Amino acid sequence: MTKAAPRLAVKGLRHLYADRPVIEDLTFTLRAGRAIALVGPNGAGKTTVLRCIVGSAEPAAGEILLDGSPIDERAEVVRRDVASLLDDLDFFPDLTAAEHLDLLARAHGNATPEDLVDTLLDDVGLLAAADQLPGSLSSGQRRRLALATALVRPRKLLVLDEPEQRLDTAGVAWLAERLKAEKKAGTSVLFASHDQALVDAVADETVALTPLP
């Protein structure tokens, strides 16, 4: 019986910045329902790795496979199966928190967008702020809304860059439980983090990166 391909396979990844290598020969695999944390100091290339995986940076060498096939951010299967949050979002200033999520839910073909949005707003702690504009939210609330934009869409692979940013202690605890629930549902989670408690709570393994000389 053929063993199923890992959800994500990174093989010999190399990335250059101004002709200087920042990632060299990085290899790891991530299976369904598991989580890997990228750890290391600032400048080690954690965000670069994530950008290569979601297609916003182009590797100089190596392979990135999703369920055994080369990942291509233009492909429908990637848009369907990969959800990510790497940067702070530029929210539409005239759309409420609920309207942002409703727009995304409908764009991804959810059959009951109103129910999904209400459930998600409750989960991320923004139900009381559903009708507020992004500019009226605190930085922590905006971060929760940004996370919700990834969670509102279908996904097999969730890619997050320092998702704990601007969350208080209770928020990080909520995030840990949410990511563990993602794993239980079969989602693969790849995240970069400086928060050791979050890493310990969620990651099944870590990939440690160090700045190249």
N, C-alpha and C. Protein backbone atom coordinates (compact mmCIF):
# COMPACT_ATOMS: atom_id res chain seq x y z
N MET A 1 0.85 -1.19 0.00
CA MET A 1 0.00 0.00 0.00
C MET A 1 0.89 1.24 0.00
N THR A 2 0.64 2.16 -0.94
CA THR A 2 1.46 3.36 -1.07
C THR A 2 1.21 4.31 0.09
N LYS A 3 2.30 4.76 0.69
CA LYS A 3 2.17 5.72 1.79
C LYS A 3 1.79 7.08 1.22
N ALA A 4 0.82 7.72 1.86
CA ALA A 4 0.36 9.03 1.38
C ALA A 4 1.49 10.06 1.48
N ALA A 5 1.52 10.96 0.51
CA ALA A 5 2.50 12.04 0.54
C ALA A 5 2.21 12.97 1.71
N PRO A 6 3.24 13.58 2.28
CA PRO A 6 2.99 14.56 3.34
C PRO A 6 2.21 15.74 2.80
N ARG A 7 1.49 16.39 3.68
CA ARG A 7 0.74 17.58 3.28
C ARG A 7 1.69 18.61 2.68
N LEU A 8 2.82 18.84 3.31
CA LEU A 8 3.81 19.81 2.82
C LEU A 8 5.19 19.17 2.88
N ALA A 9 5.92 19.29 1.80
CA ALA A 9 7.31 18.81 1.78
C ALA A 9 8.19 19.93 1.24
N VAL A 10 9.18 20.31 2.01
CA VAL A 10 10.17 21.31 1.60
C VAL A 10 11.49 20.58 1.44
N LYS A 11 12.07 20.66 0.26
CA LYS A 11 13.27 19.88 -0.05
C LYS A 11 14.36 20.78 -0.61
N GLY A 12 15.47 20.88 0.14
CA GLY A 12 16.64 21.61 -0.34
C GLY A 12 16.38 23.07 -0.66
N LEU A 13 15.52 23.73 0.12
CA LEU A 13 15.15 25.12 -0.18
C LEU A 13 16.33 26.05 -0.01
N ARG A 14 16.51 26.89 -1.00
CA ARG A 14 17.56 27.93 -0.97
C ARG A 14 16.93 29.23 -1.42
N HIS A 15 17.26 30.31 -0.71
CA HIS A 15 16.74 31.62 -1.09
C HIS A 15 17.86 32.64 -0.94
N LEU A 16 17.90 33.56 -1.91
CA LEU A 16 18.93 34.60 -1.93
C LEU A 16 18.30 35.96 -1.71
N TYR A 17 19.04 36.83 -1.02
CA TYR A 17 18.65 38.22 -0.89
C TYR A 17 19.85 39.06 -1.30
N ALA A 18 19.69 39.81 -2.41
CA ALA A 18 20.80 40.60 -2.96
C ALA A 18 22.03 39.70 -3.17
N ASP A 19 21.79 38.53 -3.75
CA ASP A 19 22.84 37.55 -4.07
C ASP A 19 23.48 36.91 -2.86
N ARG A 20 22.93 37.17 -1.69
CA ARG A 20 23.46 36.54 -0.47
C ARG A 20 22.46 35.49 0.01
N PRO A 21 22.91 34.25 0.27
CA PRO A 21 21.97 33.24 0.74
C PRO A 21 21.45 33.55 2.14
N VAL A 22 20.13 33.48 2.30
CA VAL A 22 19.52 33.64 3.62
C VAL A 22 18.90 32.32 4.09
N ILE A 23 18.59 31.44 3.14
CA ILE A 23 18.15 30.08 3.44
C ILE A 23 19.00 29.15 2.59
N GLU A 24 19.52 28.11 3.21
CA GLU A 24 20.41 27.20 2.48
C GLU A 24 20.06 25.76 2.82
N ASP A 25 19.62 25.02 1.79
CA ASP A 25 19.40 23.57 1.88
C ASP A 25 18.47 23.18 3.04
N LEU A 26 17.33 23.85 3.11
CA LEU A 26 16.35 23.56 4.17
C LEU A 26 15.40 22.45 3.70
N THR A 27 15.24 21.44 4.55
CA THR A 27 14.38 20.31 4.22
C THR A 27 13.55 19.93 5.44
N PHE A 28 12.23 19.79 5.27
CA PHE A 28 11.37 19.25 6.31
C PHE A 28 10.05 18.83 5.69
N THR A 29 9.29 18.01 6.39
CA THR A 29 7.97 17.57 5.94
C THR A 29 6.96 17.79 7.05
N LEU A 30 5.74 18.07 6.64
CA LEU A 30 4.64 18.31 7.57
C LEU A 30 3.45 17.48 7.12
N ARG A 31 2.93 16.65 8.02
CA ARG A 31 1.81 15.76 7.68
C ARG A 31 0.49 16.36 8.18
N ALA A 32 -0.60 15.78 7.70
CA ALA A 32 -1.93 16.24 8.06
C ALA A 32 -2.14 16.14 9.56
N GLY A 33 -2.75 17.18 10.14
CA GLY A 33 -3.05 17.17 11.57
C GLY A 33 -1.85 17.38 12.46
N ARG A 34 -0.77 17.86 11.91
CA ARG A 34 0.45 18.10 12.69
C ARG A 34 0.83 19.58 12.57
N ALA A 35 1.72 20.02 13.46
CA ALA A 35 2.16 21.42 13.44
C ALA A 35 3.68 21.48 13.56
N ILE A 36 4.27 22.35 12.78
CA ILE A 36 5.69 22.65 12.87
C ILE A 36 5.84 24.13 13.16
N ALA A 37 6.72 24.45 14.11
CA ALA A 37 7.06 25.84 14.42
C ALA A 37 8.45 26.14 13.89
N LEU A 38 8.57 27.22 13.15
CA LEU A 38 9.89 27.74 12.77
C LEU A 38 10.35 28.67 13.88
N VAL A 39 11.51 28.38 14.43
CA VAL A 39 12.03 29.17 15.53
C VAL A 39 13.43 29.66 15.19
N GLY A 40 13.85 30.71 15.89
CA GLY A 40 15.17 31.28 15.67
C GLY A 40 15.12 32.79 15.82
N PRO A 41 16.29 33.41 15.87
CA PRO A 41 16.34 34.87 16.09
C PRO A 41 15.86 35.64 14.86
N ASN A 42 15.59 36.92 15.06
CA ASN A 42 15.28 37.79 13.94
C ASN A 42 16.42 37.73 12.93
N GLY A 43 16.08 37.70 11.66
CA GLY A 43 17.09 37.64 10.62
C GLY A 43 17.49 36.23 10.22
N ALA A 44 16.88 35.22 10.86
CA ALA A 44 17.24 33.84 10.55
C ALA A 44 16.55 33.33 9.30
N GLY A 45 15.52 34.02 8.83
CA GLY A 45 14.86 33.63 7.59
C GLY A 45 13.51 32.96 7.76
N LYS A 46 12.92 33.04 8.95
CA LYS A 46 11.64 32.36 9.19
C LYS A 46 10.56 32.89 8.25
N THR A 47 10.42 34.20 8.18
CA THR A 47 9.40 34.80 7.31
C THR A 47 9.68 34.48 5.85
N THR A 48 10.95 34.46 5.47
CA THR A 48 11.31 34.14 4.09
C THR A 48 10.86 32.74 3.71
N VAL A 49 11.03 31.79 4.61
CA VAL A 49 10.57 30.42 4.35
C VAL A 49 9.07 30.41 4.11
N LEU A 50 8.33 31.09 4.97
CA LEU A 50 6.87 31.12 4.82
C LEU A 50 6.47 31.80 3.51
N ARG A 51 7.17 32.85 3.14
CA ARG A 51 6.86 33.55 1.90
C ARG A 51 7.12 32.65 0.69
N CYS A 52 8.17 31.86 0.75
CA CYS A 52 8.44 30.93 -0.35
C CYS A 52 7.31 29.90 -0.46
N ILE A 53 6.82 29.46 0.67
CA ILE A 53 5.77 28.44 0.66
C ILE A 53 4.46 28.96 0.09
N VAL A 54 4.09 30.20 0.44
CA VAL A 54 2.83 30.74 -0.07
C VAL A 54 2.98 31.42 -1.42
N GLY A 55 4.21 31.52 -1.92
CA GLY A 55 4.42 32.03 -3.26
C GLY A 55 4.70 33.50 -3.40
N SER A 56 4.90 34.21 -2.28
CA SER A 56 5.21 35.64 -2.39
C SER A 56 6.71 35.90 -2.46
N ALA A 57 7.52 34.84 -2.37
CA ALA A 57 8.96 34.92 -2.62
C ALA A 57 9.34 33.70 -3.44
N GLU A 58 10.32 33.85 -4.30
CA GLU A 58 10.70 32.76 -5.20
C GLU A 58 12.03 32.15 -4.76
N PRO A 59 12.05 30.86 -4.49
CA PRO A 59 13.31 30.22 -4.08
C PRO A 59 14.33 30.23 -5.22
N ALA A 60 15.61 30.22 -4.82
CA ALA A 60 16.67 30.08 -5.81
C ALA A 60 16.86 28.63 -6.20
N ALA A 61 16.49 27.72 -5.30
CA ALA A 61 16.62 26.29 -5.57
C ALA A 61 15.73 25.54 -4.60
N GLY A 62 15.47 24.27 -4.93
CA GLY A 62 14.71 23.41 -4.05
C GLY A 62 13.28 23.19 -4.54
N GLU A 63 12.57 22.35 -3.81
CA GLU A 63 11.20 22.01 -4.14
C GLU A 63 10.28 22.27 -2.95
N ILE A 64 9.06 22.71 -3.25
CA ILE A 64 8.01 22.83 -2.24
C ILE A 64 6.79 22.11 -2.79
N LEU A 65 6.36 21.05 -2.11
CA LEU A 65 5.28 20.20 -2.59
C LEU A 65 4.10 20.26 -1.64
N LEU A 66 2.91 20.36 -2.20
CA LEU A 66 1.66 20.29 -1.45
C LEU A 66 0.96 19.01 -1.85
N ASP A 67 0.80 18.10 -0.89
CA ASP A 67 0.20 16.78 -1.18
C ASP A 67 0.88 16.12 -2.37
N GLY A 68 2.19 16.26 -2.45
CA GLY A 68 2.97 15.57 -3.46
C GLY A 68 3.14 16.29 -4.78
N SER A 69 2.50 17.43 -4.96
CA SER A 69 2.60 18.18 -6.22
C SER A 69 3.26 19.53 -5.97
N PRO A 70 4.04 20.04 -6.93
CA PRO A 70 4.68 21.35 -6.75
C PRO A 70 3.65 22.42 -6.45
N ILE A 71 3.93 23.23 -5.45
CA ILE A 71 3.00 24.25 -5.03
C ILE A 71 3.08 25.44 -5.98
N ASP A 72 1.94 25.94 -6.38
CA ASP A 72 1.84 27.08 -7.29
C ASP A 72 0.69 27.93 -6.81
N GLU A 73 1.00 29.14 -6.33
CA GLU A 73 -0.04 29.97 -5.73
C GLU A 73 -1.12 30.36 -6.71
N ARG A 74 -0.87 30.19 -8.02
CA ARG A 74 -1.87 30.53 -9.04
C ARG A 74 -2.88 29.41 -9.25
N ALA A 75 -2.54 28.22 -8.76
CA ALA A 75 -3.40 27.05 -8.99
C ALA A 75 -4.62 27.09 -8.08
N GLU A 76 -5.74 26.62 -8.61
CA GLU A 76 -6.98 26.61 -7.85
C GLU A 76 -6.84 25.78 -6.57
N VAL A 77 -6.13 24.66 -6.66
CA VAL A 77 -6.00 23.78 -5.49
C VAL A 77 -5.27 24.49 -4.36
N VAL A 78 -4.30 25.33 -4.68
CA VAL A 78 -3.57 26.07 -3.65
C VAL A 78 -4.46 27.14 -3.05
N ARG A 79 -5.19 27.86 -3.88
CA ARG A 79 -6.10 28.88 -3.36
C ARG A 79 -7.19 28.24 -2.48
N ARG A 80 -7.53 26.99 -2.81
CA ARG A 80 -8.57 26.30 -2.05
C ARG A 80 -8.03 25.74 -0.73
N ASP A 81 -6.79 25.26 -0.72
CA ASP A 81 -6.30 24.45 0.40
C ASP A 81 -5.32 25.15 1.33
N VAL A 82 -4.79 26.31 0.93
CA VAL A 82 -3.78 27.00 1.74
C VAL A 82 -4.34 28.33 2.23
N ALA A 83 -4.37 28.52 3.54
CA ALA A 83 -4.76 29.79 4.14
C ALA A 83 -3.55 30.34 4.89
N SER A 84 -3.33 31.63 4.79
CA SER A 84 -2.12 32.19 5.41
C SER A 84 -2.37 33.58 5.96
N LEU A 85 -1.54 33.93 6.92
CA LEU A 85 -1.47 35.30 7.44
C LEU A 85 -0.01 35.59 7.72
N LEU A 86 0.59 36.42 6.85
CA LEU A 86 2.01 36.74 7.00
C LEU A 86 2.24 38.20 7.36
N ASP A 87 1.35 39.06 6.94
CA ASP A 87 1.53 40.49 7.17
C ASP A 87 0.29 41.07 7.85
N ASP A 88 0.46 42.24 8.43
CA ASP A 88 -0.72 42.97 8.87
C ASP A 88 -1.56 43.31 7.64
N LEU A 89 -2.86 43.15 7.77
CA LEU A 89 -3.74 43.39 6.64
C LEU A 89 -4.12 44.86 6.53
N ASP A 90 -4.29 45.31 5.30
CA ASP A 90 -4.88 46.62 5.05
C ASP A 90 -6.38 46.41 4.89
N PHE A 91 -7.11 46.56 5.97
CA PHE A 91 -8.54 46.34 5.92
C PHE A 91 -9.23 47.45 5.13
N PHE A 92 -10.37 47.10 4.51
CA PHE A 92 -11.19 48.12 3.88
C PHE A 92 -11.76 49.02 4.97
N PRO A 93 -11.49 50.32 4.91
CA PRO A 93 -11.88 51.20 6.02
C PRO A 93 -13.37 51.32 6.23
N ASP A 94 -14.17 51.05 5.18
CA ASP A 94 -15.62 51.25 5.28
C ASP A 94 -16.39 49.95 5.48
N LEU A 95 -15.69 48.84 5.69
CA LEU A 95 -16.35 47.56 5.97
C LEU A 95 -16.18 47.21 7.44
N THR A 96 -17.24 46.77 8.05
CA THR A 96 -17.16 46.35 9.45
C THR A 96 -16.41 45.02 9.56
N ALA A 97 -16.11 44.64 10.80
CA ALA A 97 -15.43 43.36 11.03
C ALA A 97 -16.25 42.22 10.42
N ALA A 98 -17.55 42.23 10.67
CA ALA A 98 -18.41 41.16 10.13
C ALA A 98 -18.45 41.19 8.61
N GLU A 99 -18.49 42.38 8.03
CA GLU A 99 -18.55 42.48 6.57
C GLU A 99 -17.27 41.98 5.91
N HIS A 100 -16.12 42.22 6.54
CA HIS A 100 -14.87 41.68 6.01
C HIS A 100 -14.95 40.16 5.91
N LEU A 101 -15.36 39.52 7.00
CA LEU A 101 -15.39 38.07 7.03
C LEU A 101 -16.48 37.52 6.11
N ASP A 102 -17.61 38.20 6.04
CA ASP A 102 -18.69 37.76 5.17
C ASP A 102 -18.24 37.79 3.71
N LEU A 103 -17.51 38.84 3.33
CA LEU A 103 -17.01 38.96 1.96
C LEU A 103 -16.11 37.78 1.62
N LEU A 104 -15.22 37.42 2.53
CA LEU A 104 -14.29 36.31 2.28
C LEU A 104 -15.02 34.97 2.26
N ALA A 105 -15.96 34.79 3.18
CA ALA A 105 -16.71 33.53 3.22
C ALA A 105 -17.46 33.31 1.91
N ARG A 106 -18.08 34.36 1.40
CA ARG A 106 -18.82 34.24 0.14
C ARG A 106 -17.87 34.02 -1.03
N ALA A 107 -16.72 34.68 -1.01
CA ALA A 107 -15.75 34.52 -2.10
C ALA A 107 -15.24 33.09 -2.20
N HIS A 108 -15.21 32.41 -1.05
CA HIS A 108 -14.74 31.02 -1.04
C HIS A 108 -15.88 30.02 -1.08
N GLY A 109 -17.08 30.49 -1.43
CA GLY A 109 -18.18 29.60 -1.72
C GLY A 109 -18.85 28.96 -0.53
N ASN A 110 -18.73 29.56 0.66
CA ASN A 110 -19.39 28.98 1.82
C ASN A 110 -20.91 29.08 1.67
N ALA A 111 -21.59 27.98 1.96
CA ALA A 111 -23.03 27.92 1.74
C ALA A 111 -23.83 28.69 2.79
N THR A 112 -23.27 28.86 3.98
CA THR A 112 -23.98 29.57 5.05
C THR A 112 -23.04 30.61 5.66
N PRO A 113 -22.71 31.65 4.91
CA PRO A 113 -21.70 32.62 5.38
C PRO A 113 -22.08 33.33 6.67
N GLU A 114 -23.37 33.64 6.84
CA GLU A 114 -23.75 34.37 8.05
C GLU A 114 -23.49 33.54 9.30
N ASP A 115 -23.83 32.25 9.24
CA ASP A 115 -23.59 31.38 10.39
C ASP A 115 -22.10 31.23 10.67
N LEU A 116 -21.31 31.06 9.61
CA LEU A 116 -19.86 30.91 9.78
C LEU A 116 -19.27 32.16 10.40
N VAL A 117 -19.66 33.33 9.91
CA VAL A 117 -19.11 34.59 10.42
C VAL A 117 -19.47 34.79 11.88
N ASP A 118 -20.72 34.53 12.25
CA ASP A 118 -21.13 34.69 13.64
C ASP A 118 -20.33 33.75 14.56
N THR A 119 -20.18 32.50 14.13
CA THR A 119 -19.43 31.52 14.93
C THR A 119 -17.98 31.95 15.09
N LEU A 120 -17.38 32.41 14.00
CA LEU A 120 -15.97 32.79 14.04
C LEU A 120 -15.75 34.06 14.86
N LEU A 121 -16.64 35.04 14.72
CA LEU A 121 -16.52 36.26 15.52
C LEU A 121 -16.59 35.94 17.01
N ASP A 122 -17.48 35.02 17.36
CA ASP A 122 -17.58 34.58 18.75
C ASP A 122 -16.29 33.90 19.19
N ASP A 123 -15.76 33.04 18.33
CA ASP A 123 -14.55 32.29 18.67
C ASP A 123 -13.36 33.21 18.89
N VAL A 124 -13.20 34.22 18.04
CA VAL A 124 -12.04 35.11 18.17
C VAL A 124 -12.28 36.25 19.15
N GLY A 125 -13.46 36.28 19.77
CA GLY A 125 -13.73 37.29 20.78
C GLY A 125 -14.11 38.64 20.23
N LEU A 126 -14.69 38.67 19.04
CA LEU A 126 -15.05 39.94 18.41
C LEU A 126 -16.55 40.07 18.16
N LEU A 127 -17.35 39.22 18.74
CA LEU A 127 -18.78 39.27 18.47
C LEU A 127 -19.37 40.62 18.85
N ALA A 128 -18.93 41.18 19.97
CA ALA A 128 -19.44 42.48 20.40
C ALA A 128 -18.96 43.62 19.51
N ALA A 129 -17.89 43.36 18.75
CA ALA A 129 -17.34 44.39 17.86
C ALA A 129 -17.67 44.11 16.41
N ALA A 130 -18.66 43.25 16.15
CA ALA A 130 -18.97 42.83 14.79
C ALA A 130 -19.29 44.00 13.87
N ASP A 131 -19.94 45.02 14.39
CA ASP A 131 -20.37 46.15 13.57
C ASP A 131 -19.40 47.33 13.60
N GLN A 132 -18.23 47.12 14.19
CA GLN A 132 -17.24 48.19 14.24
C GLN A 132 -16.35 48.18 13.01
N LEU A 133 -15.90 49.37 12.62
CA LEU A 133 -14.94 49.50 11.53
C LEU A 133 -13.54 49.18 12.05
N PRO A 134 -12.65 48.70 11.18
CA PRO A 134 -11.30 48.33 11.63
C PRO A 134 -10.58 49.45 12.37
N GLY A 135 -10.77 50.70 11.91
CA GLY A 135 -10.08 51.81 12.54
C GLY A 135 -10.48 52.06 13.97
N SER A 136 -11.63 51.53 14.38
CA SER A 136 -12.09 51.73 15.76
C SER A 136 -11.67 50.58 16.68
N LEU A 137 -11.03 49.55 16.13
CA LEU A 137 -10.61 48.40 16.93
C LEU A 137 -9.24 48.65 17.55
N SER A 138 -9.00 48.03 18.68
CA SER A 138 -7.66 48.08 19.28
C SER A 138 -6.70 47.26 18.44
N SER A 139 -5.40 47.41 18.68
CA SER A 139 -4.42 46.64 17.89
C SER A 139 -4.59 45.15 18.11
N GLY A 140 -4.91 44.74 19.32
CA GLY A 140 -5.15 43.34 19.59
C GLY A 140 -6.39 42.82 18.88
N GLN A 141 -7.44 43.64 18.84
CA GLN A 141 -8.66 43.24 18.12
C GLN A 141 -8.41 43.14 16.62
N ARG A 142 -7.63 44.07 16.09
CA ARG A 142 -7.31 43.99 14.65
C ARG A 142 -6.51 42.73 14.35
N ARG A 143 -5.64 42.33 15.27
CA ARG A 143 -4.89 41.10 15.06
C ARG A 143 -5.82 39.88 15.06
N ARG A 144 -6.78 39.89 15.96
CA ARG A 144 -7.76 38.79 15.98
C ARG A 144 -8.58 38.77 14.69
N LEU A 145 -8.95 39.95 14.19
CA LEU A 145 -9.68 40.01 12.94
C LEU A 145 -8.81 39.50 11.79
N ALA A 146 -7.54 39.85 11.79
CA ALA A 146 -6.63 39.35 10.76
C ALA A 146 -6.54 37.83 10.80
N LEU A 147 -6.43 37.26 12.00
CA LEU A 147 -6.42 35.81 12.12
C LEU A 147 -7.72 35.21 11.62
N ALA A 148 -8.83 35.88 11.90
CA ALA A 148 -10.13 35.39 11.45
C ALA A 148 -10.23 35.35 9.94
N THR A 149 -9.53 36.25 9.23
CA THR A 149 -9.58 36.24 7.77
C THR A 149 -8.95 34.98 7.20
N ALA A 150 -8.00 34.38 7.93
CA ALA A 150 -7.44 33.09 7.50
C ALA A 150 -8.35 31.94 7.90
N LEU A 151 -8.98 32.06 9.07
CA LEU A 151 -9.81 30.97 9.59
C LEU A 151 -11.18 30.89 8.94
N VAL A 152 -11.60 31.93 8.23
CA VAL A 152 -12.93 31.95 7.64
C VAL A 152 -12.97 31.17 6.33
N ARG A 153 -11.83 30.82 5.80
CA ARG A 153 -11.78 30.18 4.50
C ARG A 153 -11.47 28.69 4.64
N PRO A 154 -11.77 27.87 3.63
CA PRO A 154 -11.41 26.45 3.69
C PRO A 154 -9.89 26.31 3.68
N ARG A 155 -9.39 25.23 4.28
CA ARG A 155 -7.94 25.09 4.38
C ARG A 155 -7.56 23.66 4.74
N LYS A 156 -6.46 23.23 4.18
CA LYS A 156 -5.77 22.02 4.61
C LYS A 156 -4.44 22.36 5.26
N LEU A 157 -3.88 23.50 4.84
CA LEU A 157 -2.61 23.98 5.37
C LEU A 157 -2.79 25.42 5.83
N LEU A 158 -2.42 25.69 7.08
CA LEU A 158 -2.52 27.03 7.66
C LEU A 158 -1.10 27.52 7.92
N VAL A 159 -0.76 28.67 7.32
CA VAL A 159 0.60 29.23 7.40
C VAL A 159 0.51 30.59 8.09
N LEU A 160 1.20 30.72 9.23
CA LEU A 160 1.08 31.92 10.05
C LEU A 160 2.46 32.43 10.46
N ASP A 161 2.65 33.73 10.34
CA ASP A 161 3.90 34.36 10.76
C ASP A 161 3.68 35.12 12.05
N GLU A 162 4.27 34.63 13.13
CA GLU A 162 4.16 35.23 14.46
C GLU A 162 2.69 35.58 14.77
N PRO A 163 1.82 34.60 14.78
CA PRO A 163 0.40 34.89 14.99
C PRO A 163 0.09 35.47 16.36
N GLU A 164 1.03 35.33 17.30
CA GLU A 164 0.81 35.85 18.66
C GLU A 164 1.02 37.34 18.78
N GLN A 165 1.50 37.99 17.71
CA GLN A 165 1.78 39.43 17.77
C GLN A 165 0.58 40.21 18.30
N ARG A 166 0.85 41.07 19.28
CA ARG A 166 -0.11 42.02 19.84
C ARG A 166 -1.27 41.36 20.58
N LEU A 167 -1.19 40.05 20.80
CA LEU A 167 -2.19 39.39 21.63
C LEU A 167 -1.73 39.41 23.08
N ASP A 168 -2.66 39.62 24.01
CA ASP A 168 -2.31 39.56 25.42
C ASP A 168 -2.21 38.10 25.85
N THR A 169 -1.94 37.88 27.13
CA THR A 169 -1.75 36.51 27.62
C THR A 169 -2.96 35.65 27.35
N ALA A 170 -4.14 36.20 27.59
CA ALA A 170 -5.36 35.44 27.34
C ALA A 170 -5.52 35.16 25.85
N GLY A 171 -5.13 36.12 25.02
CA GLY A 171 -5.22 35.93 23.58
C GLY A 171 -4.29 34.84 23.07
N VAL A 172 -3.09 34.77 23.61
CA VAL A 172 -2.15 33.72 23.21
C VAL A 172 -2.67 32.35 23.67
N ALA A 173 -3.27 32.30 24.85
CA ALA A 173 -3.85 31.04 25.32
C ALA A 173 -4.99 30.61 24.40
N TRP A 174 -5.84 31.57 24.00
CA TRP A 174 -6.91 31.25 23.05
C TRP A 174 -6.32 30.74 21.74
N LEU A 175 -5.28 31.40 21.24
CA LEU A 175 -4.66 31.02 19.98
C LEU A 175 -4.12 29.59 20.05
N ALA A 176 -3.49 29.24 21.16
CA ALA A 176 -2.96 27.88 21.31
C ALA A 176 -4.08 26.85 21.21
N GLU A 177 -5.19 27.12 21.87
CA GLU A 177 -6.30 26.18 21.83
C GLU A 177 -6.90 26.11 20.42
N ARG A 178 -6.98 27.25 19.75
CA ARG A 178 -7.54 27.27 18.40
C ARG A 178 -6.65 26.47 17.44
N LEU A 179 -5.34 26.64 17.55
CA LEU A 179 -4.45 25.91 16.65
C LEU A 179 -4.46 24.41 16.95
N LYS A 180 -4.61 24.06 18.20
CA LYS A 180 -4.74 22.63 18.53
C LYS A 180 -6.04 22.07 17.95
N ALA A 181 -7.10 22.87 17.94
CA ALA A 181 -8.36 22.44 17.32
C ALA A 181 -8.20 22.28 15.82
N GLU A 182 -7.41 23.17 15.20
CA GLU A 182 -7.13 23.04 13.78
C GLU A 182 -6.47 21.70 13.48
N LYS A 183 -5.49 21.33 14.28
CA LYS A 183 -4.80 20.05 14.11
C LYS A 183 -5.77 18.89 14.27
N LYS A 184 -6.61 18.96 15.28
CA LYS A 184 -7.57 17.89 15.53
C LYS A 184 -8.52 17.71 14.36
N ALA A 185 -8.81 18.80 13.65
CA ALA A 185 -9.69 18.75 12.48
C ALA A 185 -8.96 18.27 11.23
N GLY A 186 -7.65 18.00 11.34
CA GLY A 186 -6.88 17.50 10.22
C GLY A 186 -6.07 18.53 9.47
N THR A 187 -6.17 19.79 9.89
CA THR A 187 -5.39 20.85 9.24
C THR A 187 -3.93 20.75 9.66
N SER A 188 -3.04 20.97 8.71
CA SER A 188 -1.61 21.09 9.00
C SER A 188 -1.30 22.55 9.30
N VAL A 189 -0.48 22.79 10.30
CA VAL A 189 -0.18 24.15 10.74
C VAL A 189 1.33 24.37 10.68
N LEU A 190 1.74 25.39 9.96
CA LEU A 190 3.14 25.82 9.92
C LEU A 190 3.17 27.26 10.39
N PHE A 191 3.92 27.52 11.46
CA PHE A 191 3.95 28.89 11.98
C PHE A 191 5.35 29.24 12.47
N ALA A 192 5.66 30.52 12.37
CA ALA A 192 6.88 31.07 12.94
C ALA A 192 6.51 31.80 14.22
N SER A 193 7.32 31.63 15.26
CA SER A 193 6.95 32.24 16.54
C SER A 193 8.18 32.48 17.40
N HIS A 194 8.08 33.54 18.21
CA HIS A 194 9.06 33.80 19.27
C HIS A 194 8.50 33.44 20.64
N ASP A 195 7.26 33.00 20.69
CA ASP A 195 6.60 32.72 21.96
C ASP A 195 6.78 31.25 22.31
N GLN A 196 7.66 30.98 23.27
CA GLN A 196 7.99 29.59 23.58
C GLN A 196 6.79 28.83 24.13
N ALA A 197 5.94 29.50 24.89
CA ALA A 197 4.76 28.83 25.43
C ALA A 197 3.83 28.38 24.31
N LEU A 198 3.65 29.22 23.29
CA LEU A 198 2.82 28.85 22.15
C LEU A 198 3.44 27.69 21.39
N VAL A 199 4.74 27.75 21.18
CA VAL A 199 5.44 26.67 20.49
C VAL A 199 5.28 25.36 21.25
N ASP A 200 5.49 25.41 22.56
CA ASP A 200 5.39 24.20 23.38
C ASP A 200 3.98 23.62 23.35
N ALA A 201 2.97 24.49 23.31
CA ALA A 201 1.59 24.04 23.37
C ALA A 201 1.11 23.46 22.05
N VAL A 202 1.63 23.96 20.93
CA VAL A 202 1.04 23.62 19.62
C VAL A 202 1.93 22.74 18.76
N ALA A 203 3.22 23.00 18.74
CA ALA A 203 4.09 22.36 17.76
C ALA A 203 4.39 20.90 18.11
N ASP A 204 4.30 20.04 17.11
CA ASP A 204 4.73 18.65 17.27
C ASP A 204 6.23 18.54 17.06
N GLU A 205 6.79 19.47 16.33
CA GLU A 205 8.24 19.56 16.17
C GLU A 205 8.60 20.98 15.80
N THR A 206 9.87 21.29 15.92
CA THR A 206 10.36 22.62 15.57
C THR A 206 11.44 22.50 14.52
N VAL A 207 11.56 23.54 13.72
CA VAL A 207 12.66 23.68 12.77
C VAL A 207 13.40 24.94 13.16
N ALA A 208 14.62 24.77 13.63
CA ALA A 208 15.40 25.89 14.13
C ALA A 208 16.24 26.49 13.00
N LEU A 209 16.12 27.79 12.81
CA LEU A 209 16.88 28.50 11.80
C LEU A 209 17.87 29.45 12.47
N THR A 210 19.01 29.61 11.86
CA THR A 210 20.02 30.54 12.37
C THR A 210 20.48 31.43 11.21
N PRO A 211 20.81 32.68 11.51
CA PRO A 211 21.30 33.56 10.42
C PRO A 211 22.55 32.98 9.78
N LEU A 212 22.62 33.04 8.46
CA LEU A 212 23.79 32.55 7.75
C LEU A 212 24.89 33.62 7.79
N PRO A 213 26.14 33.20 7.85
CA PRO A 213 27.23 34.19 7.88
C PRO A 213 27.34 34.94 6.56
